[in-house]
Amino acid sequence: MAGDGDKKQVLLRLSPGLWRELAAWAEDDFRSINGQIEYLLSEAVKKRKAGSGPRNSERDARQDQRSGADRE
């Protein structure tokens, strides 16, 4: 991401099928596979910060469950 200085390296294991899907998608978008993964992760983080998407409701439900468990 811009302004973050040095990029961090991570080891990521993917199934062959997922790799093929990402490779095809990256090619369609004229990106490297690494660039495509970084783009998709960046977009997911933006959506999460904006409060959109199903993950927020799932996260809220888990927090509600934890809060209830703490009271018992």
Foldseek 3Di string as FASTA:
>chain_A
DPPPPDDDDDDDDDDPVVQVVLCVVCVVVVHHSVVSVVVVVVVVVVCVVVVDDPVNVVVVVVVVVVVVVVVD
